[in-house]
Amino acid sequence: MITAIVLIKTSVDRIPEIAEQIAALESVSEVFSVTGTYDLIAMVRVGRHEDLAEVIPGRISKIPGVEATDTHVAFRTYSQHDLEAAFAIGLDN
């Protein structure tokens, strides 16, 4: 699974509506409304690198009110949930 973190600038008067439209897209697992330079951050998870082009410039960027995107592809994922599961293997509670 390939994970991309997409930083999104939007029309500020439409942030909630744009966030909902992005969250409804297939391959988008979460959308966060944030402070700072960007308005939204979307987590995109796809099976192939080629699918990123379909989702990000092909769908997210075409939503009215999306002004710009900046995409970062993850090399690895580190998660507290993953660590807890690894240490719990074979343990009975």
Protein backbone atom coordinates (compact mmCIF):
# COMPACT_ATOMS: atom_id res chain seq x y z
CA MET A 1 0.00 0.00 0.00
CA ILE A 2 1.35 3.42 -0.97
CA THR A 3 0.50 6.33 1.33
CA ALA A 4 0.59 9.95 0.22
CA ILE A 5 0.13 12.95 2.45
CA VAL A 6 -1.52 15.72 0.43
CA LEU A 7 -1.31 19.30 1.71
CA ILE A 8 -4.17 21.32 0.23
CA LYS A 9 -4.83 25.07 -0.10
CA THR A 10 -8.51 25.92 -0.58
CA SER A 11 -10.94 28.78 -0.75
CA VAL A 12 -11.19 29.60 2.96
CA ASP A 13 -14.93 30.19 2.83
CA ARG A 14 -15.53 26.60 1.62
CA ILE A 15 -13.13 24.53 3.76
CA PRO A 16 -15.79 22.25 5.34
CA GLU A 17 -17.54 21.54 2.03
CA ILE A 18 -14.27 20.85 0.22
CA ALA A 19 -13.06 18.61 3.05
CA GLU A 20 -16.26 16.55 2.83
CA GLN A 21 -15.93 16.17 -0.94
CA ILE A 22 -12.32 15.03 -0.62
CA ALA A 23 -13.15 12.62 2.21
CA ALA A 24 -15.83 11.02 0.02
CA LEU A 25 -13.29 10.09 -2.66
CA GLU A 26 -12.21 6.48 -2.97
CA SER A 27 -8.61 6.04 -1.72
CA VAL A 28 -8.84 8.99 0.68
CA SER A 29 -8.75 7.60 4.21
CA GLU A 30 -8.77 10.84 6.26
CA VAL A 31 -8.98 14.58 5.78
CA PHE A 32 -7.79 16.98 8.48
CA SER A 33 -8.63 20.68 8.73
CA VAL A 34 -5.43 22.33 9.99
CA THR A 35 -3.83 25.66 10.85
CA GLY A 36 -0.84 27.06 9.01
CA THR A 37 0.05 27.50 5.36
CA TYR A 38 -2.36 24.80 4.20
CA ASP A 39 -6.06 24.43 4.96
CA LEU A 40 -6.46 20.65 4.68
CA ILE A 41 -4.32 17.53 4.83
CA ALA A 42 -5.57 14.38 3.12
CA MET A 43 -4.23 10.87 3.58
CA VAL A 44 -4.39 8.96 0.29
CA ARG A 45 -3.77 5.21 0.18
CA VAL A 46 -3.44 3.40 -3.15
CA GLY A 47 -2.09 0.12 -4.46
CA ARG A 48 0.10 1.53 -7.24
CA HIS A 49 2.04 4.75 -7.81
CA GLU A 50 0.09 5.30 -11.02
CA ASP A 51 -3.10 5.50 -8.94
CA LEU A 52 -1.78 8.62 -7.19
CA ALA A 53 -2.06 10.53 -10.47
CA GLU A 54 -5.67 9.46 -10.82
CA VAL A 55 -6.61 10.48 -7.27
CA ILE A 56 -4.61 13.66 -6.63
CA PRO A 57 -4.44 15.70 -9.85
CA GLY A 58 -7.28 13.70 -11.41
CA ARG A 59 -9.86 14.13 -8.63
CA ILE A 60 -8.73 16.19 -5.63
CA SER A 61 -7.30 19.07 -7.68
CA LYS A 62 -10.46 19.26 -9.80
CA ILE A 63 -12.78 19.90 -6.85
CA PRO A 64 -14.01 23.51 -7.08
CA GLY A 65 -12.26 25.59 -4.44
CA VAL A 66 -9.05 23.52 -4.34
CA GLU A 67 -6.35 26.06 -5.19
CA ALA A 68 -3.13 24.04 -4.82
CA THR A 69 -1.78 20.72 -3.58
CA ASP A 70 1.63 19.60 -2.33
CA THR A 71 2.07 15.82 -2.22
CA HIS A 72 4.48 13.82 -0.07
CA VAL A 73 4.80 10.06 -0.62
CA ALA A 74 5.66 8.02 2.46
CA PHE A 75 8.63 5.64 2.35
CA ARG A 76 7.60 3.86 5.56
CA THR A 77 4.84 4.07 8.08
CA TYR A 78 5.54 4.06 11.80
CA SER A 79 2.53 3.78 14.04
CA GLN A 80 1.90 3.32 17.74
CA HIS A 81 -0.84 0.86 16.77
CA ASP A 82 1.66 -1.24 14.81
CA LEU A 83 4.12 -1.28 17.71
CA GLU A 84 1.44 -2.32 20.20
CA ALA A 85 0.28 -5.14 17.92
CA ALA A 86 3.85 -6.41 17.43
CA PHE A 87 4.55 -6.55 21.15
CA ALA A 88 1.18 -8.20 21.86
CA ILE A 89 1.79 -11.19 19.58
CA GLY A 90 1.55 -14.39 21.59
CA LEU A 91 0.45 -12.68 24.79
CA ASP A 92 -2.77 -13.70 26.48
CA ASN A 93 -4.62 -11.17 28.58
